[in-house]
Amino acid sequence: MFIIDRFEGDWAVIEWDGKVFNFPRVLLPEEAKEGDVLKLAAEVDLPTTNDRRKRIRQLEDRLFKG
């Protein structure tokens, strides 16, 4: 369970599993408020990841293979 403990400027202080961490407030819904329980989901953007890896390999090839 992710709980919004409080807001500090541009950050939301989130409590999770007995730990506290900062999370960018701009990534939360506008209506989020102190005490709200959050559902968070993440997914890997494979096309963008693969494009980035390809560009990095190309830069490495240019840099190290000349």
C-alpha atoms as a PDB file:
ATOM      1  CA  MET A   1       0.000   0.000   0.000  1.00  0.00           C
ATOM      2  CA  PHE A   2       1.400   3.410  -1.045  1.00  0.00           C
ATOM      3  CA  ILE A   3       0.085   6.210   1.159  1.00  0.00           C
ATOM      4  CA  ILE A   4       0.600   9.931   0.632  1.00  0.00           C
ATOM      5  CA  ASP A   5       1.968  11.121   3.957  1.00  0.00           C
ATOM      6  CA  ARG A   6       2.346  14.775   3.011  1.00  0.00           C
ATOM      7  CA  PHE A   7       3.444  17.210   0.326  1.00  0.00           C
ATOM      8  CA  GLU A   8       6.697  19.166   0.467  1.00  0.00           C
ATOM      9  CA  GLY A   9       6.901  21.619  -2.401  1.00  0.00           C
ATOM     10  CA  ASP A  10       7.109  19.695  -5.669  1.00  0.00           C
ATOM     11  CA  TRP A  11       7.345  16.361  -3.864  1.00  0.00           C
ATOM     12  CA  ALA A  12       4.880  13.943  -2.341  1.00  0.00           C
ATOM     13  CA  VAL A  13       6.229  12.045   0.636  1.00  0.00           C
ATOM     14  CA  ILE A  14       5.034   8.475   0.180  1.00  0.00           C
ATOM     15  CA  GLU A  15       4.948   5.765   2.823  1.00  0.00           C
ATOM     16  CA  TRP A  16       5.353   2.171   1.661  1.00  0.00           C
ATOM     17  CA  ASP A  17       6.144  -0.961   3.630  1.00  0.00           C
ATOM     18  CA  GLY A  18       7.434   1.015   6.605  1.00  0.00           C
ATOM     19  CA  LYS A  19       9.691   3.160   4.419  1.00  0.00           C
ATOM     20  CA  VAL A  20       9.293   6.742   3.280  1.00  0.00           C
ATOM     21  CA  PHE A  21      10.411   8.189  -0.058  1.00  0.00           C
ATOM     22  CA  ASN A  22       9.851  11.252  -2.217  1.00  0.00           C
ATOM     23  CA  PHE A  23       7.843  11.052  -5.422  1.00  0.00           C
ATOM     24  CA  PRO A  24       7.392  13.859  -7.960  1.00  0.00           C
ATOM     25  CA  ARG A  25       4.078  15.519  -7.219  1.00  0.00           C
ATOM     26  CA  VAL A  26       3.535  16.275 -10.904  1.00  0.00           C
ATOM     27  CA  LEU A  27       3.197  12.528 -11.600  1.00  0.00           C
ATOM     28  CA  LEU A  28       0.253  12.181  -9.239  1.00  0.00           C
ATOM     29  CA  PRO A  29      -3.362  12.918 -10.151  1.00  0.00           C
ATOM     30  CA  GLU A  30      -4.388  16.518  -9.433  1.00  0.00           C
ATOM     31  CA  GLU A  31      -6.955  15.367  -6.888  1.00  0.00           C
ATOM     32  CA  ALA A  32      -4.408  13.384  -4.824  1.00  0.00           C
ATOM     33  CA  LYS A  33      -4.264  14.517  -1.213  1.00  0.00           C
ATOM     34  CA  GLU A  34      -2.635  13.593   2.082  1.00  0.00           C
ATOM     35  CA  GLY A  35      -3.820  10.228   3.368  1.00  0.00           C
ATOM     36  CA  ASP A  36      -4.807   8.914  -0.058  1.00  0.00           C
ATOM     37  CA  VAL A  37      -3.850   5.342  -0.921  1.00  0.00           C
ATOM     38  CA  LEU A  38      -2.250   5.046  -4.349  1.00  0.00           C
ATOM     39  CA  LYS A  39      -2.316   2.265  -6.901  1.00  0.00           C
ATOM     40  CA  LEU A  40       0.895   2.419  -8.916  1.00  0.00           C
ATOM     41  CA  ALA A  41       1.628   0.475 -12.075  1.00  0.00           C
ATOM     42  CA  ALA A  42       4.684   0.440 -14.287  1.00  0.00           C
ATOM     43  CA  GLU A  43       5.373  -1.135 -17.627  1.00  0.00           C
ATOM     44  CA  VAL A  44       8.418  -1.337 -19.859  1.00  0.00           C
ATOM     45  CA  ASP A  45       8.109   0.594 -23.120  1.00  0.00           C
ATOM     46  CA  LEU A  46       9.887  -1.969 -25.301  1.00  0.00           C
ATOM     47  CA  PRO A  47       9.918  -0.026 -28.588  1.00  0.00           C
ATOM     48  CA  THR A  48      11.451   3.048 -26.954  1.00  0.00           C
ATOM     49  CA  THR A  49      13.879   0.917 -24.930  1.00  0.00           C
ATOM     50  CA  ASN A  50      15.014  -0.912 -28.055  1.00  0.00           C
ATOM     51  CA  ASP A  51      15.442   2.370 -29.964  1.00  0.00           C
ATOM     52  CA  ARG A  52      17.588   3.767 -27.141  1.00  0.00           C
ATOM     53  CA  ARG A  53      19.722   0.624 -27.034  1.00  0.00           C
ATOM     54  CA  LYS A  54      20.218   0.775 -30.800  1.00  0.00           C
ATOM     55  CA  ARG A  55      21.297   4.435 -30.648  1.00  0.00           C
ATOM     56  CA  ILE A  56      23.694   3.706 -27.781  1.00  0.00           C
ATOM     57  CA  ARG A  57      25.242   0.781 -29.708  1.00  0.00           C
ATOM     58  CA  GLN A  58      25.684   3.035 -32.739  1.00  0.00           C
ATOM     59  CA  LEU A  59      27.395   5.695 -30.613  1.00  0.00           C
ATOM     60  CA  GLU A  60      29.645   3.059 -29.014  1.00  0.00           C
ATOM     61  CA  ASP A  61      30.566   1.698 -32.436  1.00  0.00           C
ATOM     62  CA  ARG A  62      31.460   5.178 -33.687  1.00  0.00           C
ATOM     63  CA  LEU A  63      33.420   5.987 -30.557  1.00  0.00           C
ATOM     64  CA  PHE A  64      35.334   2.737 -30.073  1.00  0.00           C
ATOM     65  CA  LYS A  65      35.561   1.307 -33.572  1.00  0.00           C
ATOM     66  CA  GLY A  66      36.264   4.523 -35.220  1.00  0.00           C
END
